[in-house]
């Protein structure tokens, strides 16, 4: 972190000072120090495994400490694991000090809230469901402290606006930390039971397995996204005139899907559909994609094969789901005059109807080798004019509403060559067959 701004370093120092202040009452605290040492060693071991295998942080032990120990003693538990953790880049001790201070403050806040609400007695007596109330409050406090500190360091180190730095951090963290909190509560209750610490440690086994499965899912998802990025980059390199087009079609498809009220999983699939819709261009000769003049009928037939090429490329990628149909059918038209199969109306998959509108919109609002970009208002008017014959009116209206709320900032995807040429409007939308 040699390039870390001075204000970010000062922020880290303040966090460290805050953590030390939380530890000041330690000499007067009556705590089972063997339990503190055992939990600290357990957390350090779990943290090493988590960092190397799962690329995450294992919170159940920390939250169990917050439920079992006085606040200053609980704040000690994360220190060995954080201070001796592996750091791959930047200033190791600055990063370690930051992580140790952040976790110590979070655990201290969770323990304070838990004890203030009588959680200790509830844990000792196994008083359910009341024990869940202080535990939930402690988890909320822990999550708030971590996300508040994370947002602050992001704003100072990366110069991100505060509102943007904190946006969504708490809500994204709450669910996974809540699950870890439940495991920590189970550990604490078993620890205080006649079965003792050994039974408490057994809670970590199913938690570790479930976390491993979750980590595998995310690794697989990351691999899928890396594959998609590689395909899109290959298309962008092959057809430089439409660089960035795929990402923008994915964004517009996502806007339409959200406006239609689709659930998050379908929205994500529609985003993939938009991103991959032109992947079949990898099978089209580059000279045709980059040709400045009009295409011959034979050249046009070759380019019209790209949806089928694309479908063959993505057919084996199971997680894409209905996105594969969008890749194959995004050039179909409601009146049956599209390609590759001339489908009519509702015969065209819904995903393809969404991507068709998004594709045409971005093609019209982006500069290409054969024409200049059109204003957003003109593009929307053209889409509305062709709704019912070329495009699904429902999708067009959804895009209009979404743009009315969020706006659109089209980017130029190629140098403005031949910028003096003005093309007359065609009977149908010029969607940029080559893009």
Protein backbone atom coordinates (compact mmCIF):
# COMPACT_ATOMS: atom_id res chain seq x y z
CA UNK A 1 0.00 0.00 0.00
CA UNK A 2 2.83 2.37 -0.81
CA UNK A 3 0.43 4.56 -2.74
CA UNK A 4 -2.11 4.66 0.06
CA UNK A 5 -3.15 8.31 0.59
CA UNK A 6 -2.12 9.93 3.85
CA UNK A 7 -5.74 10.43 4.88
CA UNK A 8 -6.41 6.69 4.48
CA UNK A 9 -3.36 5.92 6.63
CA UNK A 10 -4.63 8.35 9.23
CA UNK A 11 -8.01 6.59 9.13
CA UNK A 12 -6.28 3.25 9.80
CA UNK A 13 -4.38 4.78 12.71
CA UNK A 14 -7.65 6.09 14.17
CA UNK A 15 -9.18 2.61 13.87
CA UNK A 16 -6.16 1.09 15.64
CA UNK A 17 -6.40 3.69 18.43
CA UNK A 18 -10.12 2.89 18.76
CA UNK A 19 -9.37 -0.83 19.04
CA UNK A 20 -6.71 -0.19 21.71
CA UNK A 21 -9.21 1.92 23.66
CA UNK A 22 -11.61 -1.05 23.64
CA UNK A 23 -8.83 -3.20 25.16
CA UNK A 24 -7.92 -0.75 27.95
CA UNK A 25 -10.17 -2.36 30.62
CA UNK A 26 -8.51 -5.78 30.17
CA UNK A 27 -6.54 -5.68 33.46
CA UNK A 28 -9.78 -5.38 35.42
CA UNK A 29 -11.79 -7.89 33.41
CA UNK A 30 -12.58 -11.29 34.92
CA UNK A 31 -12.63 -13.68 32.00
CA UNK A 32 -11.74 -17.34 31.37
CA UNK A 33 -8.40 -16.65 29.68
CA UNK A 34 -8.02 -20.24 28.57
CA UNK A 35 -11.24 -19.78 26.59
CA UNK A 36 -9.90 -16.53 25.10
CA UNK A 37 -6.71 -18.32 24.04
CA UNK A 38 -8.59 -21.30 22.63
CA UNK A 39 -10.99 -19.15 20.63
CA UNK A 40 -8.14 -16.94 19.35
CA UNK A 41 -6.16 -19.98 18.21
CA UNK A 42 -9.26 -21.51 16.63
CA UNK A 43 -10.05 -18.30 14.77
CA UNK A 44 -6.44 -17.97 13.56
CA UNK A 45 -6.55 -21.51 12.19
CA UNK A 46 -9.93 -21.02 10.52
CA UNK A 47 -8.77 -17.72 9.05
CA UNK A 48 -5.69 -19.31 7.48
CA UNK A 49 -7.82 -22.02 5.86
CA UNK A 50 -10.45 -19.51 4.77
CA UNK A 51 -7.99 -17.13 3.18
CA UNK A 52 -6.12 -19.83 1.29
CA UNK A 53 -9.04 -22.03 0.25
CA UNK A 54 -12.17 -19.89 0.21
CA UNK A 55 -10.93 -16.30 -0.16
CA UNK A 56 -13.25 -15.20 2.64
CA UNK A 57 -13.47 -14.64 6.40
CA UNK A 58 -14.85 -17.10 8.93
CA UNK A 59 -16.95 -15.17 11.46
CA UNK A 60 -18.68 -17.84 13.63
CA UNK A 61 -15.77 -18.08 16.07
CA UNK A 62 -15.64 -14.30 16.47
CA UNK A 63 -19.37 -14.05 17.11
CA UNK A 64 -19.24 -16.98 19.53
CA UNK A 65 -16.58 -15.00 21.42
CA UNK A 66 -18.90 -11.98 21.47
CA UNK A 67 -21.64 -14.20 22.98
CA UNK A 68 -19.35 -15.85 25.56
CA UNK A 69 -16.83 -13.25 26.74
CA UNK A 70 -16.81 -9.73 28.18
CA UNK A 71 -16.35 -7.11 25.41
CA UNK A 72 -12.63 -6.33 25.99
CA UNK A 73 -11.74 -10.03 26.14
CA UNK A 74 -13.84 -10.77 23.06
CA UNK A 75 -11.98 -8.00 21.18
CA UNK A 76 -8.72 -9.90 21.77
CA UNK A 77 -9.87 -13.00 19.90
CA UNK A 78 -9.40 -11.75 16.29
CA UNK A 79 -5.99 -10.16 16.88
CA UNK A 80 -3.61 -13.14 16.37
CA UNK A 81 -5.41 -14.33 13.25
CA UNK A 82 -5.51 -10.84 11.73
CA UNK A 83 -2.00 -9.73 12.71
CA UNK A 84 -0.29 -12.83 11.33
CA UNK A 85 -2.45 -13.36 8.26
CA UNK A 86 -0.93 -13.67 4.81
CA UNK A 87 -0.86 -10.44 2.75
CA UNK A 88 -0.11 -10.78 -0.96
CA UNK A 89 0.41 -7.13 -1.89
CA UNK A 90 0.87 -3.68 -0.43
CA UNK A 91 2.20 -2.82 3.00
CA UNK A 92 1.65 -6.00 5.08
CA UNK A 93 1.56 -4.40 8.50
CA UNK A 94 -0.69 -1.57 7.46
CA UNK A 95 -3.18 -4.07 6.04
CA UNK A 96 -2.87 -6.38 9.01
CA UNK A 97 -3.27 -3.54 11.46
CA UNK A 98 -6.36 -2.35 9.64
CA UNK A 99 -7.93 -5.79 9.59
CA UNK A 100 -7.12 -6.43 13.27
CA UNK A 101 -8.55 -3.06 14.33
CA UNK A 102 -11.68 -3.49 12.21
CA UNK A 103 -12.46 -6.94 13.59
CA UNK A 104 -11.63 -5.97 17.18
CA UNK A 105 -14.02 -3.00 16.98
CA UNK A 106 -16.73 -5.14 15.39
CA UNK A 107 -16.47 -7.93 17.98
CA UNK A 108 -16.31 -5.42 20.85
CA UNK A 109 -19.49 -3.69 19.61
CA UNK A 110 -21.28 -7.03 19.19
CA UNK A 111 -20.29 -8.14 22.70
CA UNK A 112 -21.36 -4.83 24.24
CA UNK A 113 -24.79 -5.01 22.62
CA UNK A 114 -25.21 -8.68 23.51
CA UNK A 115 -24.31 -8.20 27.17
CA UNK A 116 -26.38 -5.01 27.47
CA UNK A 117 -29.48 -6.93 26.35
CA UNK A 118 -28.92 -9.78 28.80
CA UNK A 119 -27.62 -12.17 26.19
CA UNK A 120 -25.07 -13.75 28.51
CA UNK A 121 -27.75 -15.03 30.89
CA UNK A 122 -29.87 -16.23 27.98
CA UNK A 123 -26.94 -18.22 26.60
CA UNK A 124 -26.08 -19.75 29.97
CA UNK A 125 -29.71 -20.74 30.57
CA UNK A 126 -30.27 -21.78 26.92
CA UNK A 127 -33.29 -19.49 27.04
CA UNK A 128 -34.85 -19.85 23.59
CA UNK A 129 -36.31 -18.10 21.73
CA UNK A 130 -35.31 -15.05 23.82
CA UNK A 131 -31.60 -15.78 23.28
CA UNK A 132 -32.14 -14.98 19.59
CA UNK A 133 -33.03 -11.34 20.33
CA UNK A 134 -29.69 -10.16 21.82
CA UNK A 135 -27.83 -12.39 19.37
CA UNK A 136 -29.59 -10.74 16.41
CA UNK A 137 -28.87 -7.29 17.83
CA UNK A 138 -25.21 -8.23 18.27
CA UNK A 139 -24.98 -9.47 14.67
CA UNK A 140 -26.50 -6.20 13.45
CA UNK A 141 -23.97 -4.21 15.49
CA UNK A 142 -21.08 -6.33 14.16
CA UNK A 143 -22.26 -5.91 10.57
CA UNK A 144 -22.80 -2.15 10.97
CA UNK A 145 -19.31 -1.57 12.36
CA UNK A 146 -17.61 -3.64 9.63
CA UNK A 147 -19.52 -2.03 6.78
CA UNK A 148 -19.14 1.50 8.18
CA UNK A 149 -15.38 1.05 8.45
CA UNK A 150 -15.16 -0.63 5.02
CA UNK A 151 -17.05 2.22 3.39
CA UNK A 152 -14.83 4.79 5.06
CA UNK A 153 -11.56 3.22 3.95
CA UNK A 154 -12.92 2.76 0.42
CA UNK A 155 -13.87 6.44 0.25
CA UNK A 156 -10.49 7.60 1.51
CA UNK A 157 -8.17 5.12 -0.22
CA UNK A 158 -9.96 4.99 -3.59
CA UNK A 159 -11.46 8.51 -3.47
CA UNK A 160 -14.95 7.08 -3.97
CA UNK A 161 -17.83 9.40 -2.90
CA UNK A 162 -19.03 8.46 0.58
CA UNK A 163 -22.59 7.73 -0.46
CA UNK A 164 -21.42 5.44 -3.22
CA UNK A 165 -18.83 3.76 -0.98
CA UNK A 166 -21.46 2.76 1.58
CA UNK A 167 -24.30 2.02 -0.85
CA UNK A 168 -25.50 -1.55 -0.45
CA UNK A 169 -22.57 -2.66 1.75
CA UNK A 170 -24.68 -3.35 4.82
CA UNK A 171 -27.46 -5.23 3.02
CA UNK A 172 -24.99 -7.38 1.06
CA UNK A 173 -23.13 -8.30 4.25
CA UNK A 174 -26.12 -8.89 6.51
CA UNK A 175 -27.28 -12.28 5.18
CA UNK A 176 -23.90 -14.10 5.24
CA UNK A 177 -22.92 -12.57 8.59
CA UNK A 178 -26.36 -13.48 9.95
CA UNK A 179 -25.77 -17.14 9.05
CA UNK A 180 -22.37 -17.00 10.72
CA UNK A 181 -24.01 -15.39 13.75
CA UNK A 182 -26.46 -18.28 14.07
CA UNK A 183 -23.56 -20.74 14.00
CA UNK A 184 -21.75 -18.62 16.59
CA UNK A 185 -24.80 -18.68 18.85
CA UNK A 186 -25.01 -22.48 18.56
CA UNK A 187 -21.33 -22.66 19.51
CA UNK A 188 -21.86 -20.42 22.53
CA UNK A 189 -24.89 -22.38 23.80
CA UNK A 190 -23.11 -25.73 23.46
CA UNK A 191 -19.98 -24.26 25.06
CA UNK A 192 -22.03 -23.31 28.14
CA UNK A 193 -23.87 -26.63 28.16
CA UNK A 194 -22.76 -29.75 30.07
CA UNK A 195 -21.14 -31.00 26.86
CA UNK A 196 -18.55 -28.20 26.94
CA UNK A 197 -16.21 -26.71 24.31
CA UNK A 198 -15.69 -29.98 22.43
CA UNK A 199 -19.37 -30.09 21.46
CA UNK A 200 -19.18 -26.41 20.50
CA UNK A 201 -16.32 -27.11 18.10
CA UNK A 202 -18.42 -29.71 16.30
CA UNK A 203 -20.66 -26.89 15.05
CA UNK A 204 -17.79 -25.80 12.83
CA UNK A 205 -17.84 -29.03 10.82
CA UNK A 206 -21.21 -28.60 9.03
CA UNK A 207 -20.58 -24.86 8.84
CA UNK A 208 -17.24 -25.49 7.16
CA UNK A 209 -18.78 -27.92 4.68
CA UNK A 210 -21.61 -25.54 3.77
CA UNK A 211 -19.11 -22.72 3.38
CA UNK A 212 -16.94 -24.88 1.14
CA UNK A 213 -19.96 -25.62 -1.07
CA UNK A 214 -20.82 -21.91 -1.17
CA UNK A 215 -17.21 -21.06 -2.08
CA UNK A 216 -17.24 -23.67 -4.85
CA UNK A 217 -20.40 -22.12 -6.27
CA UNK A 218 -18.79 -18.68 -6.35
CA UNK A 219 -15.61 -20.02 -7.90
CA UNK A 220 -17.64 -21.75 -10.60
CA UNK A 221 -19.62 -18.56 -11.17
CA UNK A 222 -16.39 -16.55 -11.42
CA UNK A 223 -15.07 -19.06 -13.97
CA UNK A 224 -18.27 -18.73 -16.03
CA UNK A 225 -18.02 -14.97 -16.02
CA UNK A 226 -14.35 -15.14 -17.00
CA UNK A 227 -15.35 -17.34 -19.93
CA UNK A 228 -17.99 -14.86 -20.99
CA UNK A 229 -15.55 -11.95 -20.71
CA UNK A 230 -13.03 -13.82 -22.85
CA UNK A 231 -15.64 -14.48 -25.55
CA UNK A 232 -16.79 -10.85 -25.56
CA UNK A 233 -13.22 -9.57 -25.70
CA UNK A 234 -12.54 -11.83 -28.65
CA UNK A 235 -15.57 -10.38 -30.46
CA UNK A 236 -14.47 -6.83 -29.64
CA UNK A 237 -10.98 -7.50 -31.00
CA UNK A 238 -12.39 -9.05 -34.17
CA UNK A 239 -14.88 -6.23 -34.78
CA UNK A 240 -13.34 -3.04 -33.44
CA UNK A 241 -16.19 -0.90 -34.75
CA UNK A 242 -18.59 -2.34 -32.19
CA UNK A 243 -16.26 -2.44 -29.19
CA UNK A 244 -18.33 -2.16 -26.01
CA UNK A 245 -21.57 -2.90 -27.85
CA UNK A 246 -22.10 -6.25 -26.14
CA UNK A 247 -21.77 -4.83 -22.63
CA UNK A 248 -24.22 -2.03 -23.43
CA UNK A 249 -26.75 -4.46 -24.91
CA UNK A 250 -26.43 -6.48 -21.72
CA UNK A 251 -27.12 -3.36 -19.66
CA UNK A 252 -30.13 -2.37 -21.78
CA UNK A 253 -31.49 -5.94 -21.63
CA UNK A 254 -31.18 -5.86 -17.86
CA UNK A 255 -33.06 -2.54 -17.70
CA UNK A 256 -35.91 -3.98 -19.78
CA UNK A 257 -36.06 -7.16 -17.69
CA UNK A 258 -36.24 -5.20 -14.45
CA UNK A 259 -38.94 -2.94 -15.85
CA UNK A 260 -40.96 -6.03 -16.72
CA UNK A 261 -40.71 -7.20 -13.10
CA UNK A 262 -38.59 -10.28 -13.77
CA UNK A 263 -36.89 -11.86 -10.76
CA UNK A 264 -33.17 -11.30 -10.15
CA UNK A 265 -32.09 -14.63 -11.59
CA UNK A 266 -33.85 -13.95 -14.91
CA UNK A 267 -32.50 -10.41 -14.98
CA UNK A 268 -29.00 -11.85 -14.69
CA UNK A 269 -29.68 -14.37 -17.47
CA UNK A 270 -30.98 -11.56 -19.72
CA UNK A 271 -27.82 -9.60 -19.02
CA UNK A 272 -25.75 -12.59 -20.15
CA UNK A 273 -27.98 -12.91 -23.21
CA UNK A 274 -27.32 -9.31 -24.19
CA UNK A 275 -23.60 -9.63 -23.60
CA UNK A 276 -23.30 -12.81 -25.68
CA UNK A 277 -25.82 -12.07 -28.42
CA UNK A 278 -23.14 -11.40 -31.06
CA UNK A 279 -20.62 -14.06 -30.04
CA UNK A 280 -21.33 -15.84 -33.33
CA UNK A 281 -19.47 -13.07 -35.13
CA UNK A 282 -16.33 -15.00 -34.26
CA UNK A 283 -17.32 -17.33 -37.11
CA UNK A 284 -17.83 -14.49 -39.64
CA UNK A 285 -14.90 -13.30 -41.79
CA UNK A 286 -13.37 -10.15 -40.32
CA UNK A 287 -13.35 -8.38 -43.70
CA UNK A 288 -17.17 -8.50 -43.76
CA UNK A 289 -17.52 -7.15 -40.23
CA UNK A 290 -15.21 -4.24 -40.99
CA UNK A 291 -16.46 -3.47 -44.47
CA UNK A 292 -17.34 0.21 -44.81
CA UNK A 293 -19.54 -0.02 -47.87
CA UNK A 294 -22.84 -1.84 -48.46
CA UNK A 295 -22.92 -5.61 -48.29
CA UNK A 296 -23.66 -7.80 -51.29
CA UNK A 297 -26.54 -10.31 -50.96
CA UNK A 298 -24.01 -13.14 -50.59
CA UNK A 299 -22.10 -11.26 -47.88
CA UNK A 300 -25.35 -10.52 -46.09
CA UNK A 301 -26.27 -14.23 -46.09
CA UNK A 302 -22.87 -15.05 -44.55
CA UNK A 303 -23.34 -12.50 -41.77
CA UNK A 304 -26.88 -13.77 -41.13
CA UNK A 305 -25.35 -17.06 -40.04
CA UNK A 306 -23.85 -15.48 -36.89
CA UNK A 307 -26.84 -16.27 -34.59
CA UNK A 308 -26.49 -19.98 -35.42
CA UNK A 309 -22.73 -19.85 -34.95
CA UNK A 310 -23.26 -18.18 -31.59
CA UNK A 311 -25.84 -20.73 -30.49
CA UNK A 312 -23.44 -23.56 -31.29
CA UNK A 313 -20.74 -21.86 -29.23
CA UNK A 314 -22.86 -21.42 -26.10
CA UNK A 315 -25.10 -24.48 -26.38
CA UNK A 316 -23.06 -26.46 -23.87
CA UNK A 317 -22.92 -23.73 -21.21
CA UNK A 318 -25.72 -24.92 -18.95
CA UNK A 319 -25.99 -21.92 -16.61
CA UNK A 320 -26.98 -19.60 -19.48
CA UNK A 321 -30.47 -21.11 -19.66
CA UNK A 322 -32.80 -19.07 -21.86
CA UNK A 323 -29.92 -16.78 -22.86
CA UNK A 324 -29.00 -19.39 -25.47
CA UNK A 325 -32.37 -18.92 -27.18
CA UNK A 326 -31.76 -15.16 -27.24
CA UNK A 327 -28.42 -15.68 -28.96
CA UNK A 328 -30.13 -17.77 -31.66
CA UNK A 329 -33.27 -15.69 -32.20
CA UNK A 330 -32.41 -12.03 -31.50
CA UNK A 331 -32.72 -11.17 -35.20
CA UNK A 332 -36.20 -12.66 -35.60
CA UNK A 333 -39.05 -10.19 -36.26
CA UNK A 334 -42.64 -10.26 -35.06
CA UNK A 335 -43.93 -10.22 -38.66
CA UNK A 336 -41.91 -13.33 -39.53
CA UNK A 337 -39.43 -11.64 -41.88
CA UNK A 338 -36.43 -12.04 -39.58
CA UNK A 339 -33.75 -14.69 -39.45
CA UNK A 340 -32.54 -17.40 -39.04
CA UNK A 341 -35.92 -19.22 -38.92
CA UNK A 342 -38.53 -16.56 -39.68
CA UNK A 343 -40.44 -17.08 -36.41
CA UNK A 344 -43.70 -15.17 -35.89
CA UNK A 345 -44.88 -13.22 -32.83
CA UNK A 346 -44.99 -15.30 -29.66
CA UNK A 347 -43.02 -18.06 -31.38
CA UNK A 348 -39.98 -15.89 -30.69
CA UNK A 349 -38.65 -16.57 -27.16
CA UNK A 350 -39.22 -13.74 -24.71
CA UNK A 351 -35.50 -13.41 -24.02
CA UNK A 352 -34.83 -12.91 -27.74
CA UNK A 353 -37.52 -10.20 -27.95
CA UNK A 354 -35.84 -8.35 -25.07
CA UNK A 355 -32.37 -8.55 -26.61
CA UNK A 356 -33.67 -7.55 -30.05
CA UNK A 357 -34.90 -4.21 -28.68
CA UNK A 358 -31.74 -3.65 -26.61
CA UNK A 359 -29.54 -4.52 -29.59
CA UNK A 360 -31.36 -2.21 -31.97
CA UNK A 361 -31.37 0.63 -29.46
CA UNK A 362 -27.63 0.51 -28.84
CA UNK A 363 -26.86 0.03 -32.54
CA UNK A 364 -28.81 3.21 -33.36
CA UNK A 365 -27.26 5.28 -30.55
CA UNK A 366 -23.66 4.25 -31.31
CA UNK A 367 -21.42 5.47 -34.11
CA UNK A 368 -20.45 2.77 -36.57
CA UNK A 369 -18.24 2.60 -39.63
CA UNK A 370 -21.26 3.05 -41.90
CA UNK A 371 -23.23 5.77 -40.05
CA UNK A 372 -23.20 8.21 -37.17
CA UNK A 373 -25.01 7.72 -33.89
CA UNK A 374 -28.62 8.88 -33.58
CA UNK A 375 -29.94 10.76 -30.53
CA UNK A 376 -31.71 8.65 -27.92
CA UNK A 377 -35.05 10.32 -28.62
CA UNK A 378 -34.79 9.53 -32.34
CA UNK A 379 -33.85 5.92 -31.60
CA UNK A 380 -36.80 5.48 -29.25
CA UNK A 381 -39.15 7.02 -31.81
CA UNK A 382 -37.87 4.58 -34.43
CA UNK A 383 -38.33 1.63 -32.07
CA UNK A 384 -41.89 2.74 -31.32
CA UNK A 385 -42.62 3.13 -35.04
CA UNK A 386 -41.49 -0.45 -35.69
CA UNK A 387 -43.18 -1.92 -32.60
CA UNK A 388 -45.66 -4.60 -33.59
CA UNK A 389 -43.94 -5.47 -36.86
CA UNK A 390 -40.25 -5.77 -36.01
CA UNK A 391 -40.20 -5.47 -32.21
CA UNK A 392 -42.40 -6.54 -29.32
CA UNK A 393 -44.30 -3.40 -28.19
CA UNK A 394 -44.12 -4.56 -24.56
CA UNK A 395 -40.33 -4.57 -24.65
CA UNK A 396 -40.17 -1.20 -26.38
CA UNK A 397 -42.45 0.41 -23.79
CA UNK A 398 -40.39 -1.14 -20.99
CA UNK A 399 -37.20 0.35 -22.41
CA UNK A 400 -38.82 3.76 -22.81
CA UNK A 401 -39.97 3.75 -19.18
CA UNK A 402 -36.59 2.54 -17.90
CA UNK A 403 -34.71 5.21 -19.84
CA UNK A 404 -37.15 7.85 -18.62
CA UNK A 405 -36.09 7.06 -15.07
CA UNK A 406 -32.41 6.18 -15.45
CA UNK A 407 -31.31 7.86 -18.66
CA UNK A 408 -28.74 6.52 -21.12
CA UNK A 409 -25.20 7.57 -21.93
CA UNK A 410 -24.25 5.96 -25.25
CA UNK A 411 -20.54 5.65 -25.99
CA UNK A 412 -18.91 6.01 -29.40
CA UNK A 413 -17.68 2.55 -30.37
CA UNK A 414 -15.55 3.56 -33.31
CA UNK A 415 -13.76 6.52 -34.74
CA UNK A 416 -16.18 8.78 -36.53
CA UNK A 417 -15.05 7.80 -39.96
CA UNK A 418 -17.16 8.97 -42.85
CA UNK A 419 -18.87 11.33 -40.40
CA UNK A 420 -20.06 13.56 -43.22
CA UNK A 421 -22.18 10.80 -44.73
CA UNK A 422 -25.86 10.95 -43.79
CA UNK A 423 -27.94 7.85 -44.42
CA UNK A 424 -31.66 8.22 -45.13
CA UNK A 425 -34.08 6.35 -42.83
CA UNK A 426 -34.97 2.85 -43.97
CA UNK A 427 -38.42 1.25 -43.89
CA UNK A 428 -37.33 -0.70 -40.82
CA UNK A 429 -34.91 0.03 -38.02
CA UNK A 430 -31.28 -0.04 -39.05
CA UNK A 431 -30.05 -2.24 -36.23
CA UNK A 432 -26.55 -2.57 -37.56
CA UNK A 433 -26.56 -6.11 -38.87
CA UNK A 434 -22.82 -6.20 -38.38
CA UNK A 435 -23.35 -5.34 -34.66
